[in-house]
């Protein structure tokens, strides 16, 4: 999405919602390679609604697009 839309200033916020696997470590690696990915670690699982609310709290742009990890909505539709 970043490369296909160079005129947009994207910020991607990923909420790590209290998982107990290596997700947080992997997200830190992603963030170290590309700071456009902002990662937020929640102390416990606040369910989907809590994760969405946290993401919106950390957003700094003029608009927000919410996507879940299952990619039910294709990222290619973001600019539509």
N, C-alpha and C. Protein backbone atom coordinates (compact mmCIF):
# COMPACT_ATOMS: atom_id res chain seq x y z
N UNK A 1 0.83 -1.18 0.00
CA UNK A 1 0.00 0.00 0.00
C UNK A 1 0.87 1.25 0.00
N UNK A 2 1.96 1.25 0.78
CA UNK A 2 2.85 2.41 0.81
C UNK A 2 3.40 2.72 -0.57
N UNK A 3 3.97 1.70 -1.20
CA UNK A 3 4.62 1.89 -2.50
C UNK A 3 3.64 2.25 -3.60
N UNK A 4 2.44 1.72 -3.54
CA UNK A 4 1.44 1.98 -4.59
C UNK A 4 0.81 3.36 -4.46
N UNK A 5 1.01 4.03 -3.34
CA UNK A 5 0.38 5.33 -3.10
C UNK A 5 1.39 6.32 -2.51
N UNK A 6 2.41 6.68 -3.28
CA UNK A 6 3.47 7.53 -2.73
C UNK A 6 3.01 8.93 -2.34
N UNK A 7 1.87 9.40 -2.85
CA UNK A 7 1.41 10.74 -2.51
C UNK A 7 0.73 10.80 -1.14
N UNK A 8 0.45 9.65 -0.55
CA UNK A 8 -0.18 9.60 0.77
C UNK A 8 0.88 9.46 1.85
N UNK A 9 0.65 10.10 2.96
CA UNK A 9 1.53 9.98 4.12
C UNK A 9 0.87 9.01 5.10
N UNK A 10 1.19 7.72 4.95
CA UNK A 10 0.56 6.68 5.76
C UNK A 10 1.26 6.49 7.09
N UNK A 11 0.47 6.12 8.06
CA UNK A 11 0.96 5.68 9.36
C UNK A 11 0.22 4.37 9.64
N UNK A 12 0.93 3.33 9.95
CA UNK A 12 0.29 2.06 10.26
C UNK A 12 0.49 1.75 11.73
N UNK A 13 -0.61 1.59 12.43
CA UNK A 13 -0.57 1.31 13.86
C UNK A 13 -0.98 -0.14 14.06
N UNK A 14 -0.12 -0.90 14.68
CA UNK A 14 -0.41 -2.31 14.95
C UNK A 14 -0.55 -2.47 16.46
N UNK A 15 -1.69 -3.00 16.87
CA UNK A 15 -1.95 -3.22 18.28
C UNK A 15 -1.64 -4.67 18.63
N UNK A 16 -0.72 -4.86 19.55
CA UNK A 16 -0.42 -6.19 20.07
C UNK A 16 -1.29 -6.33 21.31
N UNK A 17 -2.34 -7.10 21.18
CA UNK A 17 -3.43 -7.12 22.16
C UNK A 17 -3.27 -8.25 23.18
N UNK A 18 -2.12 -8.27 23.86
CA UNK A 18 -1.92 -9.20 24.95
C UNK A 18 -1.65 -10.64 24.55
N UNK A 19 -1.10 -10.86 23.38
CA UNK A 19 -0.81 -12.24 22.98
C UNK A 19 0.33 -12.80 23.84
N UNK A 20 0.42 -14.10 23.90
CA UNK A 20 1.42 -14.75 24.75
C UNK A 20 2.49 -15.46 23.93
N UNK A 21 2.57 -15.16 22.65
CA UNK A 21 3.60 -15.76 21.80
C UNK A 21 4.68 -14.72 21.50
N UNK A 22 5.37 -14.86 20.40
CA UNK A 22 6.48 -13.95 20.06
C UNK A 22 6.03 -12.75 19.24
N UNK A 23 4.73 -12.50 19.18
CA UNK A 23 4.22 -11.42 18.34
C UNK A 23 4.89 -10.08 18.65
N UNK A 24 4.99 -9.73 19.91
CA UNK A 24 5.58 -8.44 20.28
C UNK A 24 7.02 -8.32 19.78
N UNK A 25 7.81 -9.38 19.93
CA UNK A 25 9.20 -9.36 19.46
C UNK A 25 9.26 -9.16 17.95
N UNK A 26 8.40 -9.87 17.22
CA UNK A 26 8.38 -9.74 15.77
C UNK A 26 7.96 -8.34 15.35
N UNK A 27 7.00 -7.76 16.03
CA UNK A 27 6.57 -6.41 15.70
C UNK A 27 7.66 -5.39 15.98
N UNK A 28 8.44 -5.58 17.03
CA UNK A 28 9.56 -4.69 17.31
C UNK A 28 10.59 -4.75 16.18
N UNK A 29 10.82 -5.93 15.63
CA UNK A 29 11.74 -6.06 14.50
C UNK A 29 11.21 -5.31 13.28
N UNK A 30 9.91 -5.44 13.01
CA UNK A 30 9.30 -4.73 11.89
C UNK A 30 9.46 -3.23 12.08
N UNK A 31 9.17 -2.73 13.26
CA UNK A 31 9.28 -1.30 13.56
C UNK A 31 10.71 -0.80 13.43
N UNK A 32 11.69 -1.61 13.80
CA UNK A 32 13.08 -1.18 13.69
C UNK A 32 13.52 -1.04 12.23
N UNK A 33 12.89 -1.80 11.34
CA UNK A 33 13.21 -1.71 9.91
C UNK A 33 12.41 -0.63 9.19
N UNK A 34 11.22 -0.33 9.69
CA UNK A 34 10.35 0.64 9.02
C UNK A 34 9.54 1.39 10.07
N UNK A 35 9.94 2.62 10.41
CA UNK A 35 9.26 3.37 11.46
C UNK A 35 7.85 3.82 11.10
N UNK A 36 7.40 3.59 9.86
CA UNK A 36 6.01 3.90 9.52
C UNK A 36 5.06 2.96 10.24
N UNK A 37 5.59 1.86 10.76
CA UNK A 37 4.79 0.93 11.55
C UNK A 37 4.94 1.29 13.02
N UNK A 38 3.89 1.84 13.59
CA UNK A 38 3.87 2.18 15.02
C UNK A 38 3.23 0.99 15.73
N UNK A 39 3.90 0.48 16.75
CA UNK A 39 3.36 -0.68 17.45
C UNK A 39 3.00 -0.30 18.88
N UNK A 40 1.91 -0.86 19.35
CA UNK A 40 1.41 -0.59 20.69
C UNK A 40 1.19 -1.92 21.38
N UNK A 41 1.77 -2.05 22.56
CA UNK A 41 1.65 -3.29 23.33
C UNK A 41 0.66 -3.09 24.47
N UNK A 42 -0.41 -3.86 24.48
CA UNK A 42 -1.38 -3.81 25.57
C UNK A 42 -1.02 -4.88 26.60
N UNK A 43 -1.19 -4.55 27.86
CA UNK A 43 -0.77 -5.44 28.95
C UNK A 43 -1.56 -6.73 29.00
N UNK A 44 -2.79 -6.68 28.48
CA UNK A 44 -3.61 -7.89 28.44
C UNK A 44 -4.52 -7.78 27.23
N UNK A 45 -5.28 -8.81 26.96
CA UNK A 45 -6.18 -8.81 25.82
C UNK A 45 -7.43 -8.00 26.17
N UNK A 46 -7.62 -6.91 25.45
CA UNK A 46 -8.78 -6.06 25.64
C UNK A 46 -9.85 -6.33 24.59
N UNK A 47 -9.75 -7.48 23.95
CA UNK A 47 -10.68 -7.90 22.89
C UNK A 47 -10.58 -6.93 21.71
N UNK A 48 -11.31 -7.22 20.67
CA UNK A 48 -11.18 -6.45 19.44
C UNK A 48 -11.57 -4.98 19.65
N UNK A 49 -12.65 -4.72 20.35
CA UNK A 49 -13.07 -3.33 20.55
C UNK A 49 -12.02 -2.51 21.28
N UNK A 50 -11.40 -3.10 22.29
CA UNK A 50 -10.36 -2.40 23.03
C UNK A 50 -9.13 -2.14 22.17
N UNK A 51 -8.80 -3.10 21.32
CA UNK A 51 -7.67 -2.92 20.41
C UNK A 51 -7.93 -1.81 19.40
N UNK A 52 -9.13 -1.78 18.86
CA UNK A 52 -9.48 -0.72 17.90
C UNK A 52 -9.44 0.65 18.58
N UNK A 53 -10.00 0.74 19.78
CA UNK A 53 -9.98 2.01 20.51
C UNK A 53 -8.56 2.46 20.78
N UNK A 54 -7.69 1.54 21.17
CA UNK A 54 -6.29 1.89 21.42
C UNK A 54 -5.64 2.40 20.14
N UNK A 55 -5.90 1.73 19.03
CA UNK A 55 -5.32 2.18 17.76
C UNK A 55 -5.77 3.57 17.39
N UNK A 56 -7.03 3.86 17.57
CA UNK A 56 -7.54 5.21 17.26
C UNK A 56 -6.94 6.25 18.20
N UNK A 57 -6.71 5.88 19.45
CA UNK A 57 -6.09 6.80 20.40
C UNK A 57 -4.67 7.18 19.97
N UNK A 58 -3.96 6.26 19.34
CA UNK A 58 -2.58 6.50 18.92
C UNK A 58 -2.47 7.10 17.53
N UNK A 59 -3.56 7.15 16.79
CA UNK A 59 -3.52 7.68 15.42
C UNK A 59 -3.31 9.19 15.44
N UNK A 60 -2.54 9.67 14.47
CA UNK A 60 -2.27 11.10 14.40
C UNK A 60 -2.75 11.73 13.09
N UNK A 61 -3.30 10.95 12.19
CA UNK A 61 -3.70 11.47 10.89
C UNK A 61 -5.09 12.08 10.88
N UNK A 62 -5.50 12.49 9.68
CA UNK A 62 -6.81 13.10 9.48
C UNK A 62 -7.90 12.06 9.27
N UNK A 63 -7.53 10.85 8.95
CA UNK A 63 -8.50 9.78 8.70
C UNK A 63 -7.91 8.47 9.22
N UNK A 64 -8.79 7.51 9.47
CA UNK A 64 -8.34 6.20 9.96
C UNK A 64 -9.06 5.10 9.21
N UNK A 65 -8.33 4.05 8.90
CA UNK A 65 -8.88 2.84 8.29
C UNK A 65 -8.59 1.71 9.26
N UNK A 66 -9.61 0.99 9.64
CA UNK A 66 -9.44 -0.11 10.60
C UNK A 66 -9.42 -1.42 9.84
N UNK A 67 -8.37 -2.21 10.08
CA UNK A 67 -8.25 -3.53 9.46
C UNK A 67 -7.91 -4.53 10.54
N UNK A 68 -8.52 -5.69 10.48
CA UNK A 68 -8.21 -6.74 11.44
C UNK A 68 -7.18 -7.69 10.84
N UNK A 69 -6.57 -8.49 11.68
CA UNK A 69 -5.49 -9.38 11.25
C UNK A 69 -5.94 -10.43 10.24
N UNK A 70 -7.23 -10.73 10.19
CA UNK A 70 -7.69 -11.75 9.24
C UNK A 70 -7.78 -11.23 7.81
N UNK A 71 -7.51 -9.94 7.61
CA UNK A 71 -7.52 -9.31 6.29
C UNK A 71 -8.84 -9.55 5.55
N UNK A 72 -9.93 -9.50 6.28
CA UNK A 72 -11.25 -9.64 5.66
C UNK A 72 -11.44 -8.57 4.60
N UNK A 73 -10.91 -7.38 4.86
CA UNK A 73 -10.96 -6.30 3.88
C UNK A 73 -9.59 -6.17 3.24
N UNK A 74 -9.50 -6.31 1.92
CA UNK A 74 -8.19 -6.25 1.25
C UNK A 74 -7.53 -4.88 1.39
N UNK A 75 -6.25 -4.83 1.74
CA UNK A 75 -5.55 -3.55 1.86
C UNK A 75 -5.60 -2.72 0.57
N UNK A 76 -5.76 -3.36 -0.56
CA UNK A 76 -5.82 -2.64 -1.83
C UNK A 76 -7.01 -1.68 -1.90
N UNK A 77 -8.00 -1.87 -1.05
CA UNK A 77 -9.19 -1.01 -1.06
C UNK A 77 -9.02 0.26 -0.22
N UNK A 78 -7.92 0.41 0.46
CA UNK A 78 -7.74 1.54 1.37
C UNK A 78 -7.93 2.88 0.66
N UNK A 79 -7.41 3.04 -0.51
CA UNK A 79 -7.48 4.34 -1.18
C UNK A 79 -8.81 4.61 -1.86
N UNK A 80 -9.70 3.66 -1.84
CA UNK A 80 -11.00 3.87 -2.51
C UNK A 80 -11.97 4.66 -1.66
